[in-house]
Protein backbone atom coordinates (compact mmCIF):
# COMPACT_ATOMS: atom_id res chain seq x y z
CA MET A 1 1.43 -94.33 -16.99
CA ALA A 2 3.68 -95.90 -19.63
CA LYS A 3 6.21 -98.62 -18.23
CA SER A 4 9.70 -97.24 -18.46
CA ARG A 5 11.91 -99.45 -20.67
CA ARG A 6 15.26 -98.70 -18.90
CA TRP A 7 15.72 -100.05 -15.36
CA TYR A 8 16.76 -96.52 -14.03
CA ASP A 9 13.85 -94.74 -15.36
CA GLN A 10 11.67 -95.98 -12.53
CA ASP A 11 13.43 -93.56 -10.09
CA PRO A 12 13.45 -89.91 -11.31
CA THR A 13 16.76 -89.36 -9.14
CA MET A 14 18.40 -92.32 -10.88
CA SER A 15 17.23 -91.27 -14.18
CA GLU A 16 18.72 -87.85 -13.85
CA ALA A 17 22.16 -89.43 -12.54
CA MET A 18 22.27 -91.66 -15.56
CA GLU A 19 21.47 -88.97 -17.99
CA LEU A 20 24.17 -86.69 -16.55
CA LEU A 21 26.58 -89.42 -16.45
CA ARG A 22 25.81 -90.23 -20.16
CA LEU A 23 26.41 -86.73 -21.16
CA SER A 24 29.83 -86.41 -19.17
CA THR A 25 33.35 -86.51 -20.56
CA ASP A 26 35.22 -89.82 -20.47
CA ASP A 27 37.21 -88.79 -17.66
CA LEU A 28 34.22 -87.96 -15.67
CA LYS A 29 32.62 -91.22 -16.56
CA GLY A 30 35.69 -92.98 -15.28
CA GLN A 31 35.86 -91.16 -11.96
CA ALA A 32 32.14 -91.85 -11.50
CA ALA A 33 32.74 -95.58 -12.40
CA ASP A 34 35.29 -95.60 -9.57
CA TYR A 35 32.98 -94.31 -7.22
CA ILE A 36 30.11 -96.78 -8.02
CA SER A 37 32.66 -99.62 -7.99
CA LYS A 38 33.51 -98.86 -4.40
CA MET A 39 29.76 -99.99 -3.65
CA GLN A 40 31.05 -103.57 -4.07
CA GLU A 41 31.61 -103.59 -0.17
CA GLN A 42 27.94 -103.10 0.13
CA VAL A 43 26.75 -105.81 -2.27
CA ALA A 44 26.71 -109.40 -1.58
CA HIS A 45 29.34 -111.71 -3.44
CA GLU A 46 26.72 -113.55 -5.36
CA VAL A 47 25.32 -110.35 -6.69
CA ILE A 48 28.85 -109.43 -7.93
CA GLU A 49 29.03 -112.61 -9.85
CA ARG A 50 25.93 -111.53 -11.90
CA VAL A 51 27.71 -108.12 -12.70
CA TYR A 52 30.59 -110.06 -14.24
CA GLU A 53 28.34 -112.26 -16.17
CA ALA A 54 26.58 -109.17 -17.59
CA VAL A 55 30.00 -107.48 -18.27
CA LYS A 56 30.93 -110.62 -20.28
CA LYS A 57 27.72 -110.59 -22.20
CA TYR A 58 27.49 -106.99 -23.14
CA SER A 59 30.99 -105.67 -23.29
CA ASP A 60 31.53 -103.96 -26.60
CA GLU A 61 28.67 -105.65 -28.23
CA GLY A 62 25.58 -104.08 -26.26
CA SER A 63 23.51 -101.24 -27.59
CA ARG A 64 23.46 -99.22 -24.37
CA TRP A 65 25.69 -96.06 -24.20
CA TYR A 66 27.58 -97.70 -21.38
CA ASP A 67 28.35 -100.87 -23.06
CA LYS A 68 31.20 -99.55 -24.99
CA ASP A 69 33.50 -98.89 -21.80
CA PRO A 70 34.10 -102.01 -19.65
CA VAL A 71 34.93 -100.05 -16.54
CA VAL A 72 31.68 -97.96 -16.79
CA LEU A 73 29.64 -101.15 -17.65
CA ARG A 74 30.87 -102.86 -14.70
CA ALA A 75 30.01 -99.89 -12.50
CA ILE A 76 26.62 -99.33 -14.00
CA GLU A 77 25.61 -103.10 -13.70
CA LEU A 78 26.83 -102.88 -10.11
CA LEU A 79 24.55 -99.85 -9.56
CA ARG A 80 21.55 -101.76 -11.49
CA ILE A 81 21.65 -104.52 -9.13
CA ALA A 82 22.33 -102.70 -5.88
CA PRO A 83 19.64 -102.29 -3.27
CA PRO A 84 17.43 -99.27 -3.85
CA ARG A 85 18.64 -97.37 -1.03
CA VAL A 86 22.20 -97.66 -2.26
CA GLN A 87 21.05 -96.76 -5.83
CA LYS A 88 19.40 -93.62 -4.33
CA ARG A 89 22.35 -92.44 -2.28
CA ALA A 90 24.74 -93.10 -5.25
CA ALA A 91 22.51 -91.31 -7.76
CA LYS A 92 22.17 -88.13 -5.44
CA LYS A 93 26.04 -87.98 -4.93
CA LEU A 94 26.45 -88.45 -8.72
CA ILE A 95 24.10 -85.54 -9.48
CA MET A 96 25.62 -83.20 -7.19
CA ALA A 97 29.16 -84.22 -8.49
CA LEU A 98 28.35 -84.08 -12.14
CA HIS A 99 26.49 -80.75 -11.70
CA ASP A 100 29.45 -79.22 -9.92
CA SER A 101 32.16 -80.55 -12.14
CA ASP A 102 33.52 -77.31 -13.25
CA ASP A 103 37.18 -78.34 -13.03
CA GLY A 104 36.62 -81.65 -14.59
CA ASP A 105 37.35 -83.51 -11.31
CA ILE A 106 34.39 -85.20 -9.53
CA GLY A 107 36.54 -87.11 -7.20
CA LYS A 108 36.75 -84.44 -4.45
CA ILE A 109 32.93 -84.37 -4.37
CA LEU A 110 32.44 -88.06 -4.30
CA GLY A 111 35.02 -88.39 -1.49
CA GLN A 112 37.82 -90.09 -3.57
């Protein structure tokens, strides 16, 4: 089996969530970023510092689809370094919310 080149491709659920997020409107991306950012309470302080270092490094200069928006970049970096169980839970909620986003508001589904 070929090795995935993106960190989130190692988990099919995470990969689906990221693809749905990539294809979403900017408004939905912002709502999803708010949801993911709330995970900070579950991640240790030193890990948060690594997120901010990555944001400084890639903001507006990276080639990934989420590097262009600093809020989404911060949220995705937070998700990337979160423990696998937190990633999985967030990915499942994002998939459900993005699939059911008929009215353009995923906040209700994400509990915001």
